[in-house]
Amino acid sequence: QVQLVESGGGLVQAGGSLRLSCAASGLTFSTYTMGWFRQAPGKKREFVAAISWSGGLTYYGDSVKGRFTISRDNAKNTVYLQMNSLKPEDTAVYYCAATPLAPWRTGSADEPGMYGYWGQGTQVTVSS
């Protein structure tokens, strides 16, 4: 079965950096669009970033543009999220997601419903 396992979360001061990883198994990784979402307490799940099968296309939520970078290594079945210039409002549980679809074709890479597989999440806490 498909498994997505996130790692790399933790506590960091504002202005600091973290790199999240998501290791995938049980799927042909290079044929899946991968995404990162986050959810803070009391808030709905928010799109962070997505990357196409080959990594040639990337998409970002407005709140993280210019600070976060999504990348993937298809040889390692892993997707990454490099987070720089972190702010307290970035505090959330970060989830990795996968879909065999090409949601960018319909402008829907930011919709959680497009992703059929989800990891358990990793906590990121940014202190002020």
N, C-alpha and C. Protein backbone atom coordinates (compact mmCIF):
# COMPACT_ATOMS: atom_id res chain seq x y z
N GLN A 1 0.83 -1.18 0.00
CA GLN A 1 0.00 0.00 0.00
C GLN A 1 0.88 1.25 0.00
N VAL A 2 0.27 2.35 -0.40
CA VAL A 2 1.01 3.60 -0.47
C VAL A 2 1.27 4.12 0.94
N GLN A 3 2.51 4.50 1.17
CA GLN A 3 2.89 5.12 2.45
C GLN A 3 3.68 6.38 2.18
N LEU A 4 3.34 7.43 2.90
CA LEU A 4 4.07 8.68 2.85
C LEU A 4 4.50 9.00 4.28
N VAL A 5 5.79 9.18 4.47
CA VAL A 5 6.31 9.41 5.83
C VAL A 5 7.10 10.70 5.85
N GLU A 6 6.57 11.67 6.59
CA GLU A 6 7.23 12.96 6.70
C GLU A 6 8.25 12.94 7.84
N SER A 7 9.27 13.77 7.70
CA SER A 7 10.26 13.95 8.75
C SER A 7 10.87 15.34 8.61
N GLY A 8 11.59 15.76 9.66
CA GLY A 8 12.30 17.03 9.59
C GLY A 8 11.64 18.17 10.34
N GLY A 9 10.46 17.94 10.88
CA GLY A 9 9.81 19.01 11.64
C GLY A 9 10.52 19.25 12.96
N GLY A 10 10.11 20.32 13.65
CA GLY A 10 10.70 20.62 14.93
C GLY A 10 10.43 22.04 15.35
N LEU A 11 11.18 22.49 16.34
CA LEU A 11 11.05 23.85 16.88
C LEU A 11 12.19 24.70 16.36
N VAL A 12 11.86 25.87 15.84
CA VAL A 12 12.88 26.77 15.29
C VAL A 12 12.48 28.20 15.63
N GLN A 13 13.46 29.06 15.74
CA GLN A 13 13.18 30.48 16.00
C GLN A 13 12.78 31.18 14.71
N ALA A 14 12.03 32.24 14.84
CA ALA A 14 11.65 33.05 13.70
C ALA A 14 12.90 33.48 12.94
N GLY A 15 12.81 33.40 11.61
CA GLY A 15 13.95 33.72 10.77
C GLY A 15 14.81 32.53 10.43
N GLY A 16 14.58 31.42 11.11
CA GLY A 16 15.36 30.22 10.87
C GLY A 16 14.86 29.39 9.71
N SER A 17 15.48 28.23 9.54
CA SER A 17 15.16 27.35 8.41
C SER A 17 14.95 25.92 8.88
N LEU A 18 14.16 25.19 8.12
CA LEU A 18 13.98 23.77 8.30
C LEU A 18 13.81 23.14 6.93
N ARG A 19 14.19 21.86 6.82
CA ARG A 19 13.91 21.12 5.60
C ARG A 19 13.10 19.89 5.94
N LEU A 20 11.92 19.82 5.37
CA LEU A 20 11.07 18.66 5.55
C LEU A 20 11.33 17.66 4.43
N SER A 21 11.20 16.39 4.77
CA SER A 21 11.31 15.32 3.78
C SER A 21 10.07 14.45 3.84
N CYS A 22 9.73 13.87 2.72
CA CYS A 22 8.62 12.93 2.66
C CYS A 22 9.07 11.75 1.82
N ALA A 23 9.22 10.60 2.47
CA ALA A 23 9.62 9.39 1.79
C ALA A 23 8.38 8.60 1.39
N ALA A 24 8.31 8.25 0.11
CA ALA A 24 7.14 7.55 -0.42
C ALA A 24 7.48 6.11 -0.75
N SER A 25 6.51 5.24 -0.56
CA SER A 25 6.67 3.84 -0.94
C SER A 25 5.32 3.30 -1.39
N GLY A 26 5.37 2.21 -2.14
CA GLY A 26 4.12 1.59 -2.59
C GLY A 26 3.51 2.24 -3.80
N LEU A 27 4.25 3.11 -4.47
CA LEU A 27 3.76 3.76 -5.68
C LEU A 27 4.92 4.00 -6.63
N THR A 28 4.57 4.24 -7.89
CA THR A 28 5.60 4.61 -8.88
C THR A 28 5.81 6.10 -8.75
N PHE A 29 6.75 6.45 -7.90
CA PHE A 29 6.89 7.82 -7.43
C PHE A 29 7.00 8.83 -8.57
N SER A 30 7.73 8.49 -9.61
CA SER A 30 8.00 9.44 -10.68
C SER A 30 6.76 9.76 -11.51
N THR A 31 5.65 9.08 -11.25
CA THR A 31 4.41 9.36 -11.99
C THR A 31 3.37 10.06 -11.11
N TYR A 32 3.79 10.51 -9.93
CA TYR A 32 2.87 11.17 -9.00
C TYR A 32 3.23 12.64 -8.81
N THR A 33 2.21 13.47 -8.86
CA THR A 33 2.35 14.84 -8.40
C THR A 33 2.43 14.80 -6.88
N MET A 34 3.34 15.57 -6.32
CA MET A 34 3.50 15.61 -4.88
C MET A 34 3.19 17.00 -4.35
N GLY A 35 2.59 17.04 -3.19
CA GLY A 35 2.23 18.32 -2.60
C GLY A 35 2.53 18.39 -1.11
N TRP A 36 2.62 19.60 -0.62
CA TRP A 36 2.71 19.85 0.82
C TRP A 36 1.55 20.75 1.22
N PHE A 37 0.91 20.39 2.30
CA PHE A 37 -0.15 21.19 2.89
C PHE A 37 0.18 21.37 4.36
N ARG A 38 -0.50 22.31 5.00
CA ARG A 38 -0.31 22.48 6.43
C ARG A 38 -1.64 22.83 7.09
N GLN A 39 -1.71 22.54 8.37
CA GLN A 39 -2.92 22.84 9.11
C GLN A 39 -2.56 23.28 10.52
N ALA A 40 -2.97 24.48 10.85
CA ALA A 40 -2.78 25.02 12.19
C ALA A 40 -4.05 24.74 13.01
N PRO A 41 -3.93 24.72 14.33
CA PRO A 41 -5.10 24.45 15.17
C PRO A 41 -6.24 25.42 14.88
N GLY A 42 -7.43 24.88 14.67
CA GLY A 42 -8.60 25.70 14.44
C GLY A 42 -8.72 26.26 13.04
N LYS A 43 -7.80 25.89 12.16
CA LYS A 43 -7.83 26.42 10.79
C LYS A 43 -7.97 25.28 9.80
N LYS A 44 -8.42 25.61 8.60
CA LYS A 44 -8.56 24.58 7.57
C LYS A 44 -7.19 24.29 6.97
N ARG A 45 -7.12 23.14 6.31
CA ARG A 45 -5.86 22.74 5.67
C ARG A 45 -5.52 23.73 4.55
N GLU A 46 -4.27 24.14 4.53
CA GLU A 46 -3.79 25.17 3.61
C GLU A 46 -2.75 24.61 2.65
N PHE A 47 -2.89 24.96 1.39
CA PHE A 47 -1.91 24.55 0.38
C PHE A 47 -0.59 25.28 0.61
N VAL A 48 0.50 24.54 0.53
CA VAL A 48 1.84 25.13 0.67
C VAL A 48 2.58 25.09 -0.67
N ALA A 49 2.71 23.91 -1.25
CA ALA A 49 3.48 23.78 -2.49
C ALA A 49 3.16 22.46 -3.17
N ALA A 50 3.41 22.41 -4.47
CA ALA A 50 3.24 21.18 -5.23
C ALA A 50 4.31 21.13 -6.31
N ILE A 51 4.60 19.90 -6.76
CA ILE A 51 5.61 19.72 -7.77
C ILE A 51 5.16 18.62 -8.72
N SER A 52 5.41 18.82 -10.01
CA SER A 52 4.97 17.88 -11.02
C SER A 52 5.85 16.63 -11.03
N TRP A 53 5.47 15.67 -11.86
CA TRP A 53 6.13 14.37 -11.88
C TRP A 53 7.65 14.46 -12.00
N SER A 54 8.10 15.27 -12.98
CA SER A 54 9.54 15.36 -13.25
C SER A 54 10.22 16.43 -12.42
N GLY A 55 9.41 17.26 -11.76
CA GLY A 55 9.97 18.37 -11.01
C GLY A 55 10.06 19.65 -11.83
N GLY A 56 9.62 19.59 -13.07
CA GLY A 56 9.75 20.75 -13.93
C GLY A 56 8.78 21.87 -13.63
N LEU A 57 7.69 21.55 -12.94
CA LEU A 57 6.69 22.55 -12.60
C LEU A 57 6.52 22.59 -11.07
N THR A 58 6.52 23.78 -10.53
CA THR A 58 6.30 23.94 -9.10
C THR A 58 5.25 25.03 -8.87
N TYR A 59 4.54 24.88 -7.76
CA TYR A 59 3.46 25.81 -7.41
C TYR A 59 3.56 26.10 -5.91
N TYR A 60 3.23 27.33 -5.55
CA TYR A 60 3.34 27.74 -4.16
C TYR A 60 2.12 28.52 -3.72
N GLY A 61 1.79 28.36 -2.45
CA GLY A 61 0.79 29.20 -1.85
C GLY A 61 1.33 30.61 -1.69
N ASP A 62 0.44 31.59 -1.71
CA ASP A 62 0.88 32.98 -1.66
C ASP A 62 1.67 33.29 -0.40
N SER A 63 1.31 32.66 0.70
CA SER A 63 1.94 32.98 1.98
C SER A 63 3.38 32.46 2.10
N VAL A 64 3.80 31.58 1.19
CA VAL A 64 5.15 31.01 1.30
C VAL A 64 6.03 31.32 0.10
N LYS A 65 5.48 31.95 -0.91
CA LYS A 65 6.26 32.27 -2.10
C LYS A 65 7.49 33.08 -1.74
N GLY A 66 8.61 32.68 -2.32
CA GLY A 66 9.86 33.38 -2.06
C GLY A 66 10.59 32.93 -0.81
N ARG A 67 9.93 32.12 0.02
CA ARG A 67 10.57 31.62 1.25
C ARG A 67 10.73 30.11 1.25
N PHE A 68 9.79 29.40 0.66
CA PHE A 68 9.82 27.94 0.64
C PHE A 68 10.16 27.45 -0.76
N THR A 69 10.82 26.30 -0.82
CA THR A 69 11.15 25.67 -2.10
C THR A 69 10.83 24.18 -2.03
N ILE A 70 10.05 23.71 -2.98
CA ILE A 70 9.74 22.29 -3.07
C ILE A 70 10.65 21.66 -4.12
N SER A 71 11.10 20.45 -3.85
CA SER A 71 11.94 19.72 -4.80
C SER A 71 11.69 18.23 -4.61
N ARG A 72 12.19 17.44 -5.54
CA ARG A 72 12.01 16.00 -5.44
C ARG A 72 13.21 15.28 -6.00
N ASP A 73 13.43 14.08 -5.49
CA ASP A 73 14.47 13.20 -5.99
C ASP A 73 13.79 11.88 -6.34
N ASN A 74 13.53 11.68 -7.60
CA ASN A 74 12.79 10.48 -8.01
C ASN A 74 13.59 9.20 -7.79
N ALA A 75 14.90 9.31 -7.76
CA ALA A 75 15.73 8.13 -7.49
C ALA A 75 15.60 7.68 -6.04
N LYS A 76 15.25 8.62 -5.17
CA LYS A 76 15.11 8.30 -3.74
C LYS A 76 13.67 8.25 -3.28
N ASN A 77 12.73 8.44 -4.21
CA ASN A 77 11.30 8.45 -3.87
C ASN A 77 11.01 9.43 -2.74
N THR A 78 11.59 10.59 -2.83
CA THR A 78 11.47 11.57 -1.75
C THR A 78 11.18 12.96 -2.31
N VAL A 79 10.31 13.66 -1.60
CA VAL A 79 10.04 15.06 -1.91
C VAL A 79 10.45 15.89 -0.69
N TYR A 80 10.94 17.09 -0.96
CA TYR A 80 11.47 17.95 0.09
C TYR A 80 10.74 19.28 0.11
N LEU A 81 10.77 19.91 1.27
CA LEU A 81 10.28 21.27 1.39
C LEU A 81 11.31 22.05 2.20
N GLN A 82 12.05 22.90 1.52
CA GLN A 82 13.01 23.76 2.19
C GLN A 82 12.29 25.02 2.63
N MET A 83 12.33 25.30 3.92
CA MET A 83 11.59 26.43 4.47
C MET A 83 12.60 27.41 5.08
N ASN A 84 12.65 28.59 4.52
CA ASN A 84 13.56 29.64 5.00
C ASN A 84 12.75 30.82 5.52
N SER A 85 13.41 31.68 6.27
CA SER A 85 12.78 32.89 6.81
C SER A 85 11.45 32.55 7.49
N LEU A 86 11.49 31.57 8.33
CA LEU A 86 10.27 31.09 8.97
C LEU A 86 9.67 32.15 9.89
N LYS A 87 8.35 32.14 9.94
CA LYS A 87 7.60 33.10 10.75
C LYS A 87 6.72 32.32 11.74
N PRO A 88 6.34 32.92 12.84
CA PRO A 88 5.45 32.23 13.78
C PRO A 88 4.16 31.73 13.13
N GLU A 89 3.68 32.46 12.14
CA GLU A 89 2.45 32.03 11.46
C GLU A 89 2.65 30.81 10.57
N ASP A 90 3.86 30.35 10.41
CA ASP A 90 4.13 29.10 9.69
C ASP A 90 3.93 27.88 10.59
N THR A 91 3.71 28.12 11.87
CA THR A 91 3.50 27.02 12.80
C THR A 91 2.27 26.21 12.42
N ALA A 92 2.46 24.91 12.24
CA ALA A 92 1.37 24.04 11.80
C ALA A 92 1.88 22.61 11.73
N VAL A 93 0.96 21.69 11.52
CA VAL A 93 1.34 20.34 11.13
C VAL A 93 1.44 20.33 9.61
N TYR A 94 2.55 19.85 9.10
CA TYR A 94 2.79 19.82 7.66
C TYR A 94 2.57 18.41 7.14
N TYR A 95 1.77 18.33 6.09
CA TYR A 95 1.41 17.04 5.50
C TYR A 95 1.93 16.92 4.08
N CYS A 96 2.42 15.75 3.76
CA CYS A 96 2.82 15.40 2.41
C CYS A 96 1.62 14.71 1.74
N ALA A 97 1.43 14.97 0.45
CA ALA A 97 0.30 14.38 -0.27
C ALA A 97 0.73 13.96 -1.67
N ALA A 98 0.04 12.98 -2.22
CA ALA A 98 0.39 12.47 -3.54
C ALA A 98 -0.87 12.22 -4.36
N THR A 99 -0.72 12.43 -5.66
CA THR A 99 -1.80 12.12 -6.59
C THR A 99 -1.22 11.68 -7.92
N PRO A 100 -1.85 10.69 -8.57
CA PRO A 100 -1.39 10.30 -9.90
C PRO A 100 -1.92 11.24 -10.98
N LEU A 101 -2.72 12.20 -10.59
CA LEU A 101 -3.29 13.14 -11.54
C LEU A 101 -2.31 14.27 -11.85
N ALA A 102 -2.72 15.07 -12.81
CA ALA A 102 -1.93 16.26 -13.19
C ALA A 102 -2.78 17.49 -12.89
N PRO A 103 -2.94 17.84 -11.62
CA PRO A 103 -3.87 18.90 -11.26
C PRO A 103 -3.53 20.27 -11.80
N TRP A 104 -2.26 20.45 -12.20
CA TRP A 104 -1.91 21.76 -12.75
C TRP A 104 -2.62 22.02 -14.07
N ARG A 105 -3.05 20.99 -14.73
CA ARG A 105 -3.74 21.16 -16.01
C ARG A 105 -5.09 21.82 -15.84
N THR A 106 -5.65 21.71 -14.65
CA THR A 106 -6.95 22.32 -14.38
C THR A 106 -6.83 23.41 -13.32
N GLY A 107 -5.60 23.79 -13.02
CA GLY A 107 -5.41 24.84 -12.02
C GLY A 107 -5.83 24.45 -10.63
N SER A 108 -5.74 23.18 -10.32
CA SER A 108 -6.25 22.70 -9.04
C SER A 108 -5.19 22.01 -8.19
N ALA A 109 -3.93 22.34 -8.41
CA ALA A 109 -2.85 21.74 -7.63
C ALA A 109 -2.95 22.13 -6.16
N ASP A 110 -3.70 23.18 -5.85
CA ASP A 110 -3.80 23.64 -4.48
C ASP A 110 -5.03 23.08 -3.75
N GLU A 111 -5.75 22.17 -4.36
CA GLU A 111 -6.97 21.64 -3.75
C GLU A 111 -6.69 20.30 -3.07
N PRO A 112 -6.91 20.22 -1.78
CA PRO A 112 -6.65 18.97 -1.06
C PRO A 112 -7.39 17.77 -1.66
N GLY A 113 -8.57 18.01 -2.20
CA GLY A 113 -9.37 16.93 -2.76
C GLY A 113 -8.76 16.26 -3.96
N MET A 114 -7.74 16.89 -4.56
CA MET A 114 -7.09 16.30 -5.72
C MET A 114 -6.10 15.21 -5.33
N TYR A 115 -5.77 15.15 -4.05
CA TYR A 115 -4.73 14.24 -3.58
C TYR A 115 -5.36 13.06 -2.85
N GLY A 116 -5.01 11.87 -3.28
CA GLY A 116 -5.63 10.69 -2.71
C GLY A 116 -4.85 10.05 -1.58
N TYR A 117 -3.60 10.43 -1.44
CA TYR A 117 -2.73 9.82 -0.44
C TYR A 117 -2.10 10.91 0.43
N TRP A 118 -2.08 10.63 1.73
CA TRP A 118 -1.59 11.61 2.69
C TRP A 118 -0.70 10.93 3.73
N GLY A 119 0.30 11.68 4.19
CA GLY A 119 1.12 11.22 5.29
C GLY A 119 0.48 11.58 6.62
N GLN A 120 1.14 11.22 7.70
CA GLN A 120 0.61 11.47 9.04
C GLN A 120 0.91 12.88 9.54
N GLY A 121 1.84 13.54 8.91
CA GLY A 121 2.16 14.91 9.28
C GLY A 121 3.35 15.03 10.20
N THR A 122 3.98 16.18 10.14
CA THR A 122 5.10 16.50 11.03
C THR A 122 4.89 17.92 11.55
N GLN A 123 5.12 18.09 12.85
CA GLN A 123 4.86 19.38 13.49
C GLN A 123 6.02 20.34 13.25
N VAL A 124 5.68 21.55 12.85
CA VAL A 124 6.65 22.64 12.74
C VAL A 124 6.18 23.76 13.66
N THR A 125 7.05 24.17 14.56
CA THR A 125 6.73 25.23 15.49
C THR A 125 7.78 26.33 15.37
N VAL A 126 7.33 27.54 15.11
CA VAL A 126 8.24 28.67 14.96
C VAL A 126 7.98 29.63 16.11
N SER A 127 9.01 29.83 16.91
CA SER A 127 8.87 30.72 18.06
C SER A 127 9.29 32.14 17.69
N SER A 128 8.66 33.10 18.35
CA SER A 128 8.96 34.51 18.04
C SER A 128 10.06 35.05 18.93
